C-alpha cells in the first residue's frame, strides 16, 4: 500500500516536472 502510494507520488512529481519543463520551453520560445 505504502509502496504503491510512493510510486504514485513519484509519478505525479515526474509529470509535474515535465509540465514545468514544457511551460518553460514554450515561454522561452515566445520571447
Protein backbone atom coordinates (compact mmCIF):
# COMPACT_ATOMS: atom_id res chain seq x y z
CA UNK A 1 0.00 0.00 0.00
CA UNK A 2 2.69 2.47 1.06
CA UNK A 3 4.90 1.41 -1.86
CA UNK A 4 2.01 1.97 -4.26
CA UNK A 5 1.42 5.43 -2.78
CA UNK A 6 5.13 6.24 -3.10
CA UNK A 7 5.24 5.17 -6.76
CA UNK A 8 2.10 7.23 -7.45
CA UNK A 9 3.66 10.28 -5.77
CA UNK A 10 6.92 9.94 -7.70
CA UNK A 11 4.99 9.52 -10.94
CA UNK A 12 2.97 12.65 -10.13
CA UNK A 13 6.15 14.58 -9.34
CA UNK A 14 7.77 13.47 -12.60
CA UNK A 15 4.66 14.52 -14.53
CA UNK A 16 4.64 17.87 -12.71
CA UNK A 17 8.33 18.41 -13.52
CA UNK A 18 7.67 17.53 -17.16
CA UNK A 19 4.83 20.07 -17.33
CA UNK A 20 7.07 22.75 -15.81
CA UNK A 21 9.81 21.99 -18.35
CA UNK A 22 7.31 22.19 -21.22
CA UNK A 23 5.96 25.52 -19.93
CA UNK A 24 9.49 26.90 -19.57
CA UNK A 25 10.31 25.71 -23.11
CA UNK A 26 7.18 27.35 -24.55
CA UNK A 27 7.81 30.54 -22.58
CA UNK A 28 11.42 30.63 -23.79
CA UNK A 29 10.29 30.21 -27.41
CA UNK A 30 7.74 33.03 -27.09
CA UNK A 31 10.41 35.54 -26.00
